[in-house]
Amino acid sequence: TYVLHLLVIFLVVALPEKRYATWWEALRDWLAHLSFTHPWFAFSSLYTPLNGALWTLGVEVQFYLLFPLVARAFRRMPLMTYLGLGAVAFLFRHYAMHSAHTSMLLNQLPAFLDVYLNGFVAAMVYARLERRGHDDGLQRVFMTAVLLAGVMGLAALVGRQVGMRSMQELLNGQLSMRYMQSLFTALVMLGACLGLGGVRIFLGNRLTFWLAAISYQVFLWHQMIALQMKKRGFPPSVNPDPHMVGERAWQIGYTLAALALTLLIATAVTYLIERPISARARKLT
C-alpha cells in the first residue's frame, strides 16, 4: 500500500501538475522512496512532489536494519547502550540546531536514536512489571499517576511549541524537545497499559481498535488529502489564505472535512486492499 500510495500521488498529482521538469527527476525521486533513502536528499524529502510526510518511513526502515544489533547491545549492556546512543543523538541534534542545513538534518536517523532507546526502556519496564504476575492495586494507581504526568508533560511541550513563530525557532524547538516528547509518550503508554482498568477500557475498545487498524493508512494519506483540499478550494473560503488570517468558520469546516475524508479513504484502503493482501501473503508463507 506504500507503493500504491506513491503511484496514486504520482499519477493524480505530480504528473498532471507537471511537478517534475524531467523524467530523471521523477525516476530519482522514485528510487529514493523505494529504497527508503529519501530523507537523505533534499529533492526527495524537502521538495518531493510525492509526499513530504513519508520521511518518517525512511527513518524507521533505516533503524530496522540496525535494530538487531542495537537490541543485542541493549540486552547485554543496557545502561552503556542507552548513554552511548543517547549521546550521539544529543550531539547530532546540537549540531543540527547550529547548522545552516537544519531543515535537512532535522529528520535524520541519528536525531532519533534516543527516541528509539526510550522505547527500549519502556518495553523493558513493561515486561518486568508484567512478569511479576499479580494485580497490585497500588501499582495500578501509581501507573495511572504516571499516565497523567505524561499527558501533562506533553501538553506543556505543545504549549511551548505553539508559542514559536519563526521557522528556525520551530525547527530548533522540535530538536530540543524531541527527547522529552518521547519520554513523556513512553510514560503515557506505560501508564495506559498498567494503570487502572477504566483507563484501559477507555483506550481499548472497538473505536480505538478501528483507529489502530487504519492508523498506517491515515498516516500515508492525511497530508496529501489536506493539501489537495486547500489547493482546490474545498471547502470554499472568503479569503485566499483562510488558514493564515484566522477565518474560523472555514478552519473548522476544513479540519472536519479533511479528517472525515482521511478516515474514509484510510478505512477503504485498509479493509479492501491492505487486509486482503496481508491475508493472502500469510497463506503463501
C-alpha atoms as a PDB file:
ATOM      1  CA  THR A   1       0.000   0.000   0.000  1.00  0.00           C
ATOM      2  CA  TYR A   2       3.024   2.289   0.346  1.00  0.00           C
ATOM      3  CA  VAL A   3       3.804   1.764  -3.342  1.00  0.00           C
ATOM      4  CA  LEU A   4       0.107   2.159  -4.184  1.00  0.00           C
ATOM      5  CA  HIS A   5       0.076   5.473  -2.332  1.00  0.00           C
ATOM      6  CA  LEU A   6       3.132   6.716  -4.224  1.00  0.00           C
ATOM      7  CA  LEU A   7       1.612   5.615  -7.529  1.00  0.00           C
ATOM      8  CA  VAL A   8      -1.701   7.398  -6.886  1.00  0.00           C
ATOM      9  CA  ILE A   9       0.031  10.658  -5.966  1.00  0.00           C
ATOM     10  CA  PHE A  10       2.379  10.341  -8.941  1.00  0.00           C
ATOM     11  CA  LEU A  11      -0.486   9.857 -11.411  1.00  0.00           C
ATOM     12  CA  VAL A  12      -3.103  12.121  -9.828  1.00  0.00           C
ATOM     13  CA  VAL A  13      -0.969  14.989  -8.513  1.00  0.00           C
ATOM     14  CA  ALA A  14       2.658  15.048  -9.642  1.00  0.00           C
ATOM     15  CA  LEU A  15       2.205  14.345 -13.368  1.00  0.00           C
ATOM     16  CA  PRO A  16      -0.924  16.471 -14.003  1.00  0.00           C
ATOM     17  CA  GLU A  17       0.648  19.402 -12.155  1.00  0.00           C
ATOM     18  CA  LYS A  18       3.941  18.900 -14.057  1.00  0.00           C
ATOM     19  CA  ARG A  19       5.901  18.825 -10.825  1.00  0.00           C
ATOM     20  CA  TYR A  20       8.885  17.107 -12.464  1.00  0.00           C
ATOM     21  CA  ALA A  21      10.907  19.021 -15.053  1.00  0.00           C
ATOM     22  CA  THR A  22      12.448  15.815 -16.473  1.00  0.00           C
ATOM     23  CA  TRP A  23      11.895  12.073 -16.301  1.00  0.00           C
ATOM     24  CA  TRP A  24      15.217  11.769 -14.468  1.00  0.00           C
ATOM     25  CA  GLU A  25      13.859  13.924 -11.633  1.00  0.00           C
ATOM     26  CA  ALA A  26      10.866  11.623 -11.363  1.00  0.00           C
ATOM     27  CA  LEU A  27      12.985   8.467 -11.535  1.00  0.00           C
ATOM     28  CA  ARG A  28      15.445   9.528  -8.846  1.00  0.00           C
ATOM     29  CA  ASP A  29      12.569  10.521  -6.561  1.00  0.00           C
ATOM     30  CA  TRP A  30      11.011   7.074  -7.026  1.00  0.00           C
ATOM     31  CA  LEU A  31      14.338   5.308  -6.464  1.00  0.00           C
ATOM     32  CA  ALA A  32      14.924   7.227  -3.242  1.00  0.00           C
ATOM     33  CA  HIS A  33      11.445   6.411  -1.916  1.00  0.00           C
ATOM     34  CA  LEU A  34      11.585   2.740  -2.908  1.00  0.00           C
ATOM     35  CA  SER A  35      14.985   2.340  -1.219  1.00  0.00           C
ATOM     36  CA  PHE A  36      13.817   4.326   1.839  1.00  0.00           C
ATOM     37  CA  THR A  37      16.779   6.669   1.472  1.00  0.00           C
ATOM     38  CA  HIS A  38      14.545   9.644   0.635  1.00  0.00           C
ATOM     39  CA  PRO A  39      15.313  11.515   3.903  1.00  0.00           C
ATOM     40  CA  TRP A  40      18.944  11.792   2.741  1.00  0.00           C
ATOM     41  CA  PHE A  41      18.268  14.032  -0.258  1.00  0.00           C
ATOM     42  CA  ALA A  42      16.621  17.439  -0.485  1.00  0.00           C
ATOM     43  CA  PHE A  43      14.862  16.549  -3.753  1.00  0.00           C
ATOM     44  CA  SER A  44      13.117  13.565  -2.139  1.00  0.00           C
ATOM     45  CA  SER A  45      12.477  14.998   1.322  1.00  0.00           C
ATOM     46  CA  LEU A  46      12.095  18.789   1.258  1.00  0.00           C
ATOM     47  CA  TYR A  47      10.958  19.204  -2.351  1.00  0.00           C
ATOM     48  CA  THR A  48       9.371  15.896  -3.336  1.00  0.00           C
ATOM     49  CA  PRO A  49       6.037  16.071  -5.189  1.00  0.00           C
ATOM     50  CA  LEU A  50       5.130  12.638  -3.830  1.00  0.00           C
ATOM     51  CA  ASN A  51       4.505  13.186  -0.107  1.00  0.00           C
ATOM     52  CA  GLY A  52       6.745  15.075   2.284  1.00  0.00           C
ATOM     53  CA  ALA A  53       5.311  13.287   5.321  1.00  0.00           C
ATOM     54  CA  LEU A  54       6.849   9.963   4.249  1.00  0.00           C
ATOM     55  CA  TRP A  55      10.303  10.847   5.608  1.00  0.00           C
ATOM     56  CA  THR A  56       9.430   9.027   8.834  1.00  0.00           C
ATOM     57  CA  LEU A  57       9.139   5.689   6.996  1.00  0.00           C
ATOM     58  CA  GLY A  58      12.665   6.147   5.675  1.00  0.00           C
ATOM     59  CA  VAL A  59      13.997   6.755   9.191  1.00  0.00           C
ATOM     60  CA  GLU A  60      12.089   3.770  10.570  1.00  0.00           C
ATOM     61  CA  VAL A  61      13.260   1.332   7.893  1.00  0.00           C
ATOM     62  CA  GLN A  62      16.836   2.510   8.358  1.00  0.00           C
ATOM     63  CA  PHE A  63      16.514   1.837  12.085  1.00  0.00           C
ATOM     64  CA  TYR A  64      15.034  -1.611  11.414  1.00  0.00           C
ATOM     65  CA  LEU A  65      18.339  -2.518   9.760  1.00  0.00           C
ATOM     66  CA  LEU A  66      20.185  -1.570  12.955  1.00  0.00           C
ATOM     67  CA  PHE A  67      17.578  -2.983  15.316  1.00  0.00           C
ATOM     68  CA  PRO A  68      19.081  -6.482  15.813  1.00  0.00           C
ATOM     69  CA  LEU A  69      22.483  -5.021  16.703  1.00  0.00           C
ATOM     70  CA  VAL A  70      21.085  -2.314  18.981  1.00  0.00           C
ATOM     71  CA  ALA A  71      18.718  -4.765  20.693  1.00  0.00           C
ATOM     72  CA  ARG A  72      21.553  -7.216  21.364  1.00  0.00           C
ATOM     73  CA  ALA A  73      23.766  -4.453  22.752  1.00  0.00           C
ATOM     74  CA  PHE A  74      20.935  -3.097  24.902  1.00  0.00           C
ATOM     75  CA  ARG A  75      20.181  -6.551  26.291  1.00  0.00           C
ATOM     76  CA  ARG A  76      23.815  -7.096  27.303  1.00  0.00           C
ATOM     77  CA  MET A  77      24.728  -3.538  28.353  1.00  0.00           C
ATOM     78  CA  PRO A  78      21.522  -1.520  28.718  1.00  0.00           C
ATOM     79  CA  LEU A  79      22.991   1.490  30.518  1.00  0.00           C
ATOM     80  CA  MET A  80      26.053   1.804  28.273  1.00  0.00           C
ATOM     81  CA  THR A  81      23.980   1.389  25.124  1.00  0.00           C
ATOM     82  CA  TYR A  82      21.418   3.940  26.312  1.00  0.00           C
ATOM     83  CA  LEU A  83      24.038   6.509  27.291  1.00  0.00           C
ATOM     84  CA  GLY A  84      26.182   5.936  24.193  1.00  0.00           C
ATOM     85  CA  LEU A  85      23.451   6.214  21.579  1.00  0.00           C
ATOM     86  CA  GLY A  86      21.753   8.934  23.601  1.00  0.00           C
ATOM     87  CA  ALA A  87      24.963  10.972  23.479  1.00  0.00           C
ATOM     88  CA  VAL A  88      25.134  10.503  19.707  1.00  0.00           C
ATOM     89  CA  ALA A  89      21.568  11.770  19.354  1.00  0.00           C
ATOM     90  CA  PHE A  90      22.090  14.801  21.600  1.00  0.00           C
ATOM     91  CA  LEU A  91      25.328  15.769  19.855  1.00  0.00           C
ATOM     92  CA  PHE A  92      23.767  15.357  16.408  1.00  0.00           C
ATOM     93  CA  ARG A  93      20.760  17.493  17.326  1.00  0.00           C
ATOM     94  CA  HIS A  94      23.020  20.164  18.832  1.00  0.00           C
ATOM     95  CA  TYR A  95      24.968  20.235  15.581  1.00  0.00           C
ATOM     96  CA  ALA A  96      21.741  20.390  13.548  1.00  0.00           C
ATOM     97  CA  MET A  97      20.432  23.335  15.584  1.00  0.00           C
ATOM     98  CA  HIS A  98      23.534  25.373  14.784  1.00  0.00           C
ATOM     99  CA  SER A  99      23.892  24.283  11.172  1.00  0.00           C
ATOM    100  CA  ALA A 100      22.913  26.138   8.034  1.00  0.00           C
ATOM    101  CA  HIS A 101      21.112  22.938   6.969  1.00  0.00           C
ATOM    102  CA  THR A 102      18.806  22.422   9.963  1.00  0.00           C
ATOM    103  CA  SER A 103      15.814  21.520   7.799  1.00  0.00           C
ATOM    104  CA  MET A 104      17.750  18.642   6.198  1.00  0.00           C
ATOM    105  CA  LEU A 105      19.311  17.382   9.437  1.00  0.00           C
ATOM    106  CA  LEU A 106      16.102  17.659  11.455  1.00  0.00           C
ATOM    107  CA  ASN A 107      14.687  14.276  10.445  1.00  0.00           C
ATOM    108  CA  GLN A 108      17.725  12.039  10.047  1.00  0.00           C
ATOM    109  CA  LEU A 109      18.157   8.740  11.910  1.00  0.00           C
ATOM    110  CA  PRO A 110      20.895   9.914  14.348  1.00  0.00           C
ATOM    111  CA  ALA A 111      18.493  12.563  15.665  1.00  0.00           C
ATOM    112  CA  PHE A 112      16.084   9.805  16.780  1.00  0.00           C
ATOM    113  CA  LEU A 113      18.379   7.242  18.387  1.00  0.00           C
ATOM    114  CA  ASP A 114      17.479   8.213  21.955  1.00  0.00           C
ATOM    115  CA  VAL A 115      13.799   8.231  20.975  1.00  0.00           C
ATOM    116  CA  TYR A 116      14.074   4.567  19.995  1.00  0.00           C
ATOM    117  CA  LEU A 117      16.075   3.825  23.150  1.00  0.00           C
ATOM    118  CA  ASN A 118      13.300   5.309  25.273  1.00  0.00           C
ATOM    119  CA  GLY A 119      11.059   2.782  23.555  1.00  0.00           C
ATOM    120  CA  PHE A 120      13.501   0.019  24.529  1.00  0.00           C
ATOM    121  CA  VAL A 121      13.394   1.153  28.168  1.00  0.00           C
ATOM    122  CA  ALA A 122       9.594   1.347  28.171  1.00  0.00           C
ATOM    123  CA  ALA A 123       9.359  -2.179  26.732  1.00  0.00           C
ATOM    124  CA  MET A 124      11.794  -3.481  29.368  1.00  0.00           C
ATOM    125  CA  VAL A 125       9.868  -1.852  32.221  1.00  0.00           C
ATOM    126  CA  TYR A 126       6.557  -3.185  30.893  1.00  0.00           C
ATOM    127  CA  ALA A 127       7.911  -6.725  30.507  1.00  0.00           C
ATOM    128  CA  ARG A 128       9.366  -6.787  34.017  1.00  0.00           C
ATOM    129  CA  LEU A 129       6.199  -5.495  35.637  1.00  0.00           C
ATOM    130  CA  GLU A 130       4.086  -7.969  33.663  1.00  0.00           C
ATOM    131  CA  ARG A 131       6.311 -10.880  34.733  1.00  0.00           C
ATOM    132  CA  ARG A 132       5.536 -10.135  38.352  1.00  0.00           C
ATOM    133  CA  GLY A 133       2.229 -11.849  37.627  1.00  0.00           C
ATOM    134  CA  HIS A 134      -0.036 -10.275  40.262  1.00  0.00           C
ATOM    135  CA  ASP A 135      -2.536  -7.433  40.045  1.00  0.00           C
ATOM    136  CA  ASP A 136      -1.329  -4.852  42.543  1.00  0.00           C
ATOM    137  CA  GLY A 137      -3.945  -2.148  43.125  1.00  0.00           C
ATOM    138  CA  LEU A 138      -1.371   0.295  44.470  1.00  0.00           C
ATOM    139  CA  GLN A 139       0.800  -0.229  41.407  1.00  0.00           C
ATOM    140  CA  ARG A 140      -2.162   0.489  39.127  1.00  0.00           C
ATOM    141  CA  VAL A 141      -2.884   3.738  40.971  1.00  0.00           C
ATOM    142  CA  PHE A 142       0.772   4.726  40.657  1.00  0.00           C
ATOM    143  CA  MET A 143       0.873   3.899  36.940  1.00  0.00           C
ATOM    144  CA  THR A 144      -2.285   5.944  36.380  1.00  0.00           C
ATOM    145  CA  ALA A 145      -0.478   8.861  38.013  1.00  0.00           C
ATOM    146  CA  VAL A 146       2.414   8.190  35.622  1.00  0.00           C
ATOM    147  CA  LEU A 147      -0.067   8.395  32.735  1.00  0.00           C
ATOM    148  CA  LEU A 148      -1.369  11.760  33.941  1.00  0.00           C
ATOM    149  CA  ALA A 149       2.181  13.054  34.395  1.00  0.00           C
ATOM    150  CA  GLY A 150       2.988  12.055  30.819  1.00  0.00           C
ATOM    151  CA  VAL A 151      -0.126  13.803  29.488  1.00  0.00           C
ATOM    152  CA  MET A 152       0.711  16.974  31.429  1.00  0.00           C
ATOM    153  CA  GLY A 153       4.269  16.882  30.126  1.00  0.00           C
ATOM    154  CA  LEU A 154       3.112  16.531  26.522  1.00  0.00           C
ATOM    155  CA  ALA A 155       0.615  19.356  26.982  1.00  0.00           C
ATOM    156  CA  ALA A 156       3.390  21.608  28.283  1.00  0.00           C
ATOM    157  CA  LEU A 157       5.551  20.808  25.243  1.00  0.00           C
ATOM    158  CA  VAL A 158       2.663  21.540  22.873  1.00  0.00           C
ATOM    159  CA  GLY A 159       2.067  24.860  24.608  1.00  0.00           C
ATOM    160  CA  ARG A 160       5.721  25.741  24.259  1.00  0.00           C
ATOM    161  CA  GLN A 161       5.759  24.833  20.575  1.00  0.00           C
ATOM    162  CA  VAL A 162       2.623  26.878  19.861  1.00  0.00           C
ATOM    163  CA  GLY A 163       4.388  29.995  21.103  1.00  0.00           C
ATOM    164  CA  MET A 164       7.116  29.723  18.477  1.00  0.00           C
ATOM    165  CA  ARG A 165       6.802  31.896  15.379  1.00  0.00           C
ATOM    166  CA  SER A 166       9.791  31.767  13.025  1.00  0.00           C
ATOM    167  CA  MET A 167      10.589  28.637  11.007  1.00  0.00           C
ATOM    168  CA  GLN A 168      14.077  28.348  12.530  1.00  0.00           C
ATOM    169  CA  GLU A 169      12.575  28.599  16.008  1.00  0.00           C
ATOM    170  CA  LEU A 170      10.086  25.856  15.160  1.00  0.00           C
ATOM    171  CA  LEU A 171      12.789  23.545  13.792  1.00  0.00           C
ATOM    172  CA  ASN A 172      15.050  24.106  16.783  1.00  0.00           C
ATOM    173  CA  GLY A 173      12.065  23.614  19.068  1.00  0.00           C
ATOM    174  CA  GLN A 174      11.417  20.182  17.585  1.00  0.00           C
ATOM    175  CA  LEU A 175      15.065  19.236  18.020  1.00  0.00           C
ATOM    176  CA  SER A 176      15.316  20.496  21.597  1.00  0.00           C
ATOM    177  CA  MET A 177      12.052  18.863  22.750  1.00  0.00           C
ATOM    178  CA  ARG A 178      12.342  15.525  20.942  1.00  0.00           C
ATOM    179  CA  TYR A 179      13.886  13.611  23.839  1.00  0.00           C
ATOM    180  CA  MET A 180      11.326  14.826  26.391  1.00  0.00           C
ATOM    181  CA  GLN A 181       8.472  14.247  23.951  1.00  0.00           C
ATOM    182  CA  SER A 182       9.484  10.602  23.559  1.00  0.00           C
ATOM    183  CA  LEU A 183       9.955  10.242  27.319  1.00  0.00           C
ATOM    184  CA  PHE A 184       6.504  11.646  28.127  1.00  0.00           C
ATOM    185  CA  THR A 185       4.962   9.473  25.381  1.00  0.00           C
ATOM    186  CA  ALA A 186       6.596   6.396  26.930  1.00  0.00           C
ATOM    187  CA  LEU A 187       5.100   7.346  30.300  1.00  0.00           C
ATOM    188  CA  VAL A 188       1.662   7.685  28.723  1.00  0.00           C
ATOM    189  CA  MET A 189       1.924   4.259  27.098  1.00  0.00           C
ATOM    190  CA  LEU A 190       3.158   2.544  30.258  1.00  0.00           C
ATOM    191  CA  GLY A 191       0.514   4.238  32.373  1.00  0.00           C
ATOM    192  CA  ALA A 192      -2.235   3.311  29.929  1.00  0.00           C
ATOM    193  CA  CYS A 193      -1.165  -0.351  29.798  1.00  0.00           C
ATOM    194  CA  LEU A 194      -0.557  -0.823  33.517  1.00  0.00           C
ATOM    195  CA  GLY A 195      -2.910   1.723  35.107  1.00  0.00           C
ATOM    196  CA  LEU A 196      -6.448   1.409  36.414  1.00  0.00           C
ATOM    197  CA  GLY A 197      -8.913  -0.669  34.436  1.00  0.00           C
ATOM    198  CA  GLY A 198     -11.061   2.308  33.475  1.00  0.00           C
ATOM    199  CA  VAL A 199      -8.171   3.810  31.555  1.00  0.00           C
ATOM    200  CA  ARG A 200      -7.670   0.607  29.589  1.00  0.00           C
ATOM    201  CA  ILE A 201     -11.394   0.392  28.798  1.00  0.00           C
ATOM    202  CA  PHE A 202     -11.322   3.987  27.570  1.00  0.00           C
ATOM    203  CA  LEU A 203      -8.321   3.310  25.317  1.00  0.00           C
ATOM    204  CA  GLY A 204      -9.050  -0.306  24.387  1.00  0.00           C
ATOM    205  CA  ASN A 205     -12.458  -0.596  22.724  1.00  0.00           C
ATOM    206  CA  ARG A 206     -13.970  -1.061  19.271  1.00  0.00           C
ATOM    207  CA  LEU A 207     -13.455   2.566  18.297  1.00  0.00           C
ATOM    208  CA  THR A 208      -9.780   2.608  19.235  1.00  0.00           C
ATOM    209  CA  PHE A 209      -9.335  -0.846  17.668  1.00  0.00           C
ATOM    210  CA  TRP A 210     -10.645   0.561  14.380  1.00  0.00           C
ATOM    211  CA  LEU A 211      -8.442   3.656  14.648  1.00  0.00           C
ATOM    212  CA  ALA A 212      -5.430   1.460  15.350  1.00  0.00           C
ATOM    213  CA  ALA A 213      -6.239  -0.758  12.363  1.00  0.00           C
ATOM    214  CA  ILE A 214      -6.392   2.168   9.931  1.00  0.00           C
ATOM    215  CA  SER A 215      -3.644   4.292  11.532  1.00  0.00           C
ATOM    216  CA  TYR A 216      -0.970   3.428   8.940  1.00  0.00           C
ATOM    217  CA  GLN A 217      -3.218   4.464   6.072  1.00  0.00           C
ATOM    218  CA  VAL A 218      -4.233   7.627   7.952  1.00  0.00           C
ATOM    219  CA  PHE A 219      -0.561   8.480   8.193  1.00  0.00           C
ATOM    220  CA  LEU A 220       0.013   7.828   4.482  1.00  0.00           C
ATOM    221  CA  TRP A 221      -2.929   9.830   3.188  1.00  0.00           C
ATOM    222  CA  HIS A 222      -3.685  12.655   5.619  1.00  0.00           C
ATOM    223  CA  GLN A 223      -1.241  15.276   4.395  1.00  0.00           C
ATOM    224  CA  MET A 224      -1.910  14.903   0.678  1.00  0.00           C
ATOM    225  CA  ILE A 225      -5.677  14.952   1.233  1.00  0.00           C
ATOM    226  CA  ALA A 226      -5.411  18.147   3.274  1.00  0.00           C
ATOM    227  CA  LEU A 227      -3.105  19.788   0.707  1.00  0.00           C
ATOM    228  CA  GLN A 228      -5.296  18.901  -2.251  1.00  0.00           C
ATOM    229  CA  MET A 229      -8.424  20.165  -0.486  1.00  0.00           C
ATOM    230  CA  LYS A 230      -6.745  23.503   0.207  1.00  0.00           C
ATOM    231  CA  LYS A 231      -5.344  23.743  -3.322  1.00  0.00           C
ATOM    232  CA  ARG A 232      -8.727  23.002  -4.917  1.00  0.00           C
ATOM    233  CA  GLY A 233     -10.605  25.436  -2.674  1.00  0.00           C
ATOM    234  CA  PHE A 234     -12.695  22.907  -0.780  1.00  0.00           C
ATOM    235  CA  PRO A 235     -14.500  23.997   1.260  1.00  0.00           C
ATOM    236  CA  PRO A 236     -14.745  27.498  -0.263  1.00  0.00           C
ATOM    237  CA  SER A 237     -13.402  30.427   1.740  1.00  0.00           C
ATOM    238  CA  VAL A 238     -13.783  34.204   1.812  1.00  0.00           C
ATOM    239  CA  ASN A 239     -10.040  34.882   1.921  1.00  0.00           C
ATOM    240  CA  PRO A 240      -7.390  33.374  -0.381  1.00  0.00           C
ATOM    241  CA  ASP A 241      -5.377  32.237   2.654  1.00  0.00           C
ATOM    242  CA  PRO A 242      -8.017  31.448   5.302  1.00  0.00           C
ATOM    243  CA  HIS A 243      -5.576  29.341   7.317  1.00  0.00           C
ATOM    244  CA  MET A 244      -3.321  32.390   7.775  1.00  0.00           C
ATOM    245  CA  VAL A 245      -5.825  35.157   8.507  1.00  0.00           C
ATOM    246  CA  GLY A 246      -7.960  33.327  11.056  1.00  0.00           C
ATOM    247  CA  GLU A 247     -11.127  32.591   9.066  1.00  0.00           C
ATOM    248  CA  ARG A 248     -12.509  30.490  11.885  1.00  0.00           C
ATOM    249  CA  ALA A 249     -15.613  29.057  10.219  1.00  0.00           C
ATOM    250  CA  TRP A 250     -13.534  27.844   7.278  1.00  0.00           C
ATOM    251  CA  GLN A 251     -10.844  26.431   9.554  1.00  0.00           C
ATOM    252  CA  ILE A 252     -13.338  24.307  11.493  1.00  0.00           C
ATOM    253  CA  GLY A 253     -15.131  23.077   8.369  1.00  0.00           C
ATOM    254  CA  TYR A 254     -11.872  22.355   6.576  1.00  0.00           C
ATOM    255  CA  THR A 255     -10.428  20.439   9.517  1.00  0.00           C
ATOM    256  CA  LEU A 256     -13.529  18.291   9.959  1.00  0.00           C
ATOM    257  CA  ALA A 257     -13.847  17.614   6.215  1.00  0.00           C
ATOM    258  CA  ALA A 258     -10.154  16.679   5.892  1.00  0.00           C
ATOM    259  CA  LEU A 259     -10.412  14.378   8.890  1.00  0.00           C
ATOM    260  CA  ALA A 260     -13.570  12.694   7.629  1.00  0.00           C
ATOM    261  CA  LEU A 261     -12.176  12.169   4.123  1.00  0.00           C
ATOM    262  CA  THR A 262      -8.909  10.836   5.525  1.00  0.00           C
ATOM    263  CA  LEU A 263     -10.723   8.329   7.760  1.00  0.00           C
ATOM    264  CA  LEU A 264     -12.928   7.232   4.863  1.00  0.00           C
ATOM    265  CA  ILE A 265     -10.036   6.636   2.454  1.00  0.00           C
ATOM    266  CA  ALA A 266      -7.888   5.021   5.149  1.00  0.00           C
ATOM    267  CA  THR A 267     -10.710   2.617   6.066  1.00  0.00           C
ATOM    268  CA  ALA A 268     -11.330   1.671   2.436  1.00  0.00           C
ATOM    269  CA  VAL A 269      -7.648   1.029   1.683  1.00  0.00           C
ATOM    270  CA  THR A 270      -7.132  -0.903   4.923  1.00  0.00           C
ATOM    271  CA  TYR A 271     -10.057  -3.292   4.583  1.00  0.00           C
ATOM    272  CA  LEU A 272     -10.315  -3.576   0.787  1.00  0.00           C
ATOM    273  CA  ILE A 273      -6.619  -3.719  -0.103  1.00  0.00           C
ATOM    274  CA  GLU A 274      -4.216  -3.965   2.853  1.00  0.00           C
ATOM    275  CA  ARG A 275      -6.003  -6.697   4.828  1.00  0.00           C
ATOM    276  CA  PRO A 276      -6.753  -8.979   1.816  1.00  0.00           C
ATOM    277  CA  ILE A 277      -3.144  -8.695   0.573  1.00  0.00           C
ATOM    278  CA  SER A 278      -1.804  -9.475   4.062  1.00  0.00           C
ATOM    279  CA  ALA A 279      -4.115 -12.488   4.404  1.00  0.00           C
ATOM    280  CA  ARG A 280      -3.053 -13.843   1.023  1.00  0.00           C
ATOM    281  CA  ALA A 281       0.633 -13.321   1.854  1.00  0.00           C
ATOM    282  CA  ARG A 282       0.234 -15.252   5.105  1.00  0.00           C
ATOM    283  CA  LYS A 283      -1.337 -18.172   3.211  1.00  0.00           C
ATOM    284  CA  LEU A 284       1.580 -18.229   0.765  1.00  0.00           C
ATOM    285  CA  THR A 285       4.094 -18.404   3.617  1.00  0.00           C
END
